[in-house]
Amino acid sequence: MFEPSWEKLLIVLVIALVVLGPRKLPEVGHSLGRGIREFKNGVTGATTDLAPAAAVQEPAQPSAAEHS
């Protein structure tokens, strides 16, 4: 399917440089990096918040043999 390589990354960077220009490209990179960092922190925070809830075990259901 899609295998990342240095050649493909270079092509994407050259196209971004042509489209955005040398002045705007660092700003876009900085904003993109900040967004990815915030997303990772949000996912980590959600995982940390949900971990105690996942550790709580459900009470055992009585089996059919116990009712007889």
N, C-alpha and C. Protein backbone atom coordinates (compact mmCIF):
# COMPACT_ATOMS: atom_id res chain seq x y z
N MET A 1 0.85 -1.17 0.00
CA MET A 1 0.00 0.00 0.00
C MET A 1 0.89 1.24 0.00
N PHE A 2 0.98 1.93 1.11
CA PHE A 2 1.79 3.15 1.20
C PHE A 2 3.00 2.86 2.06
N GLU A 3 4.16 2.90 1.46
CA GLU A 3 5.39 2.69 2.20
C GLU A 3 6.17 4.00 2.21
N PRO A 4 6.33 4.61 3.39
CA PRO A 4 7.07 5.88 3.44
C PRO A 4 8.54 5.67 3.11
N SER A 5 9.07 6.60 2.36
CA SER A 5 10.49 6.55 2.02
C SER A 5 11.01 7.99 1.97
N TRP A 6 12.31 8.13 1.94
CA TRP A 6 12.91 9.46 1.91
C TRP A 6 12.56 10.19 0.62
N GLU A 7 12.46 9.46 -0.48
CA GLU A 7 12.14 10.09 -1.76
C GLU A 7 10.73 10.70 -1.73
N LYS A 8 9.78 9.96 -1.20
CA LYS A 8 8.40 10.45 -1.14
C LYS A 8 8.30 11.64 -0.18
N LEU A 9 9.01 11.56 0.94
CA LEU A 9 9.01 12.67 1.90
C LEU A 9 9.61 13.92 1.27
N LEU A 10 10.68 13.76 0.51
CA LEU A 10 11.31 14.89 -0.16
C LEU A 10 10.37 15.52 -1.19
N ILE A 11 9.65 14.70 -1.93
CA ILE A 11 8.70 15.21 -2.92
C ILE A 11 7.60 16.02 -2.22
N VAL A 12 7.08 15.50 -1.11
CA VAL A 12 6.02 16.20 -0.38
C VAL A 12 6.55 17.53 0.15
N LEU A 13 7.77 17.54 0.68
CA LEU A 13 8.34 18.78 1.20
C LEU A 13 8.58 19.81 0.10
N VAL A 14 9.02 19.37 -1.07
CA VAL A 14 9.25 20.29 -2.19
C VAL A 14 7.92 20.88 -2.65
N ILE A 15 6.89 20.05 -2.74
CA ILE A 15 5.57 20.55 -3.15
C ILE A 15 5.05 21.54 -2.12
N ALA A 16 5.23 21.23 -0.83
CA ALA A 16 4.79 22.17 0.22
C ALA A 16 5.55 23.48 0.13
N LEU A 17 6.84 23.42 -0.17
CA LEU A 17 7.64 24.64 -0.30
C LEU A 17 7.15 25.48 -1.47
N VAL A 18 6.81 24.84 -2.58
CA VAL A 18 6.33 25.57 -3.75
C VAL A 18 4.96 26.18 -3.47
N VAL A 19 4.07 25.42 -2.84
CA VAL A 19 2.71 25.90 -2.60
C VAL A 19 2.68 26.99 -1.52
N LEU A 20 3.37 26.75 -0.41
CA LEU A 20 3.30 27.68 0.72
C LEU A 20 4.34 28.79 0.67
N GLY A 21 5.46 28.52 0.09
CA GLY A 21 6.53 29.51 0.05
C GLY A 21 7.46 29.38 1.25
N PRO A 22 8.66 29.94 1.12
CA PRO A 22 9.65 29.79 2.19
C PRO A 22 9.31 30.56 3.48
N ARG A 23 8.48 31.56 3.40
CA ARG A 23 8.13 32.33 4.60
C ARG A 23 7.03 31.66 5.42
N LYS A 24 6.08 31.06 4.73
CA LYS A 24 4.91 30.48 5.40
C LYS A 24 5.17 29.05 5.88
N LEU A 25 6.08 28.34 5.24
CA LEU A 25 6.32 26.93 5.55
C LEU A 25 6.73 26.70 7.01
N PRO A 26 7.65 27.47 7.61
CA PRO A 26 7.98 27.24 9.02
C PRO A 26 6.79 27.47 9.96
N GLU A 27 5.96 28.45 9.66
CA GLU A 27 4.78 28.70 10.48
C GLU A 27 3.82 27.51 10.43
N VAL A 28 3.61 26.98 9.25
CA VAL A 28 2.70 25.85 9.08
C VAL A 28 3.28 24.62 9.80
N GLY A 29 4.58 24.41 9.68
CA GLY A 29 5.22 23.29 10.36
C GLY A 29 5.10 23.40 11.87
N HIS A 30 5.28 24.61 12.38
CA HIS A 30 5.15 24.84 13.82
C HIS A 30 3.72 24.58 14.28
N SER A 31 2.75 25.07 13.55
CA SER A 31 1.34 24.86 13.91
C SER A 31 0.97 23.38 13.83
N LEU A 32 1.46 22.70 12.82
CA LEU A 32 1.19 21.27 12.68
C LEU A 32 1.80 20.49 13.84
N GLY A 33 3.03 20.81 14.20
CA GLY A 33 3.68 20.15 15.32
C GLY A 33 2.94 20.39 16.63
N ARG A 34 2.48 21.61 16.85
CA ARG A 34 1.73 21.94 18.06
C ARG A 34 0.42 21.15 18.09
N GLY A 35 -0.26 21.06 16.96
CA GLY A 35 -1.52 20.31 16.91
C GLY A 35 -1.31 18.83 17.19
N ILE A 36 -0.27 18.25 16.64
CA ILE A 36 0.02 16.84 16.89
C ILE A 36 0.35 16.63 18.36
N ARG A 37 1.13 17.53 18.95
CA ARG A 37 1.50 17.42 20.36
C ARG A 37 0.25 17.50 21.25
N GLU A 38 -0.65 18.43 20.96
CA GLU A 38 -1.88 18.55 21.75
C GLU A 38 -2.76 17.31 21.61
N PHE A 39 -2.81 16.75 20.42
CA PHE A 39 -3.59 15.54 20.19
C PHE A 39 -3.02 14.38 21.01
N LYS A 40 -1.69 14.22 20.99
CA LYS A 40 -1.06 13.15 21.76
C LYS A 40 -1.31 13.33 23.25
N ASN A 41 -1.20 14.57 23.74
CA ASN A 41 -1.45 14.83 25.15
C ASN A 41 -2.91 14.53 25.51
N GLY A 42 -3.82 14.85 24.62
CA GLY A 42 -5.23 14.56 24.86
C GLY A 42 -5.50 13.07 24.92
N VAL A 43 -4.89 12.32 24.01
CA VAL A 43 -5.07 10.87 24.00
C VAL A 43 -4.45 10.27 25.26
N THR A 44 -3.27 10.73 25.65
CA THR A 44 -2.63 10.23 26.86
C THR A 44 -3.46 10.56 28.08
N GLY A 45 -4.00 11.76 28.14
CA GLY A 45 -4.85 12.16 29.26
C GLY A 45 -6.11 11.33 29.34
N ALA A 46 -6.71 11.07 28.20
CA ALA A 46 -7.94 10.27 28.18
C ALA A 46 -7.63 8.84 28.62
N THR A 47 -6.51 8.31 28.19
CA THR A 47 -6.11 6.95 28.59
C THR A 47 -5.85 6.90 30.09
N THR A 48 -5.20 7.92 30.62
CA THR A 48 -4.92 7.97 32.04
C THR A 48 -6.21 8.09 32.85
N ASP A 49 -7.15 8.87 32.35
CA ASP A 49 -8.42 9.05 33.05
C ASP A 49 -9.26 7.78 33.01
N LEU A 50 -9.18 7.02 31.94
CA LEU A 50 -10.01 5.82 31.80
C LEU A 50 -9.39 4.59 32.44
N ALA A 51 -8.11 4.60 32.75
CA ALA A 51 -7.44 3.43 33.30
C ALA A 51 -8.06 2.99 34.63
N PRO A 52 -8.33 3.89 35.59
CA PRO A 52 -8.95 3.43 36.84
C PRO A 52 -10.34 2.83 36.62
N ALA A 53 -11.09 3.37 35.69
CA ALA A 53 -12.43 2.84 35.41
C ALA A 53 -12.35 1.45 34.80
N ALA A 54 -11.33 1.22 34.00
CA ALA A 54 -11.17 -0.09 33.37
C ALA A 54 -10.71 -1.12 34.39
N ALA A 55 -10.05 -0.69 35.46
CA ALA A 55 -9.55 -1.61 36.47
C ALA A 55 -10.66 -2.10 37.39
N VAL A 56 -11.78 -1.38 37.45
CA VAL A 56 -12.89 -1.80 38.31
C VAL A 56 -13.52 -3.04 37.69
N GLN A 57 -13.66 -4.07 38.50
CA GLN A 57 -14.20 -5.32 37.98
C GLN A 57 -15.70 -5.39 38.25
N GLU A 58 -16.40 -6.02 37.36
CA GLU A 58 -17.83 -6.23 37.52
C GLU A 58 -18.04 -7.30 38.61
N PRO A 59 -19.11 -7.18 39.40
CA PRO A 59 -19.39 -8.23 40.39
C PRO A 59 -19.69 -9.54 39.67
N ALA A 60 -19.29 -10.62 40.28
CA ALA A 60 -19.47 -11.94 39.66
C ALA A 60 -20.96 -12.27 39.57
N GLN A 61 -21.37 -12.77 38.43
CA GLN A 61 -22.75 -13.17 38.22
C GLN A 61 -22.93 -14.58 38.79
N PRO A 62 -23.99 -14.83 39.54
CA PRO A 62 -24.19 -16.19 40.04
C PRO A 62 -24.48 -17.13 38.88
N SER A 63 -23.90 -18.32 38.96
CA SER A 63 -24.07 -19.28 37.89
C SER A 63 -25.43 -19.95 38.01
N ALA A 64 -25.83 -20.63 36.96
CA ALA A 64 -27.12 -21.31 36.95
C ALA A 64 -27.15 -22.45 37.96
N ALA A 65 -26.02 -23.06 38.25
CA ALA A 65 -25.96 -24.19 39.20
C ALA A 65 -26.25 -23.71 40.62
N GLU A 66 -25.90 -22.46 40.95
CA GLU A 66 -26.13 -21.95 42.29
C GLU A 66 -27.60 -21.70 42.55
N HIS A 67 -28.40 -21.44 41.51
CA HIS A 67 -29.82 -21.17 41.67
C HIS A 67 -30.61 -22.44 41.91
N SER A 68 -30.10 -23.60 41.55
CA SER A 68 -30.86 -24.86 41.67
C SER A 68 -30.90 -25.40 43.05
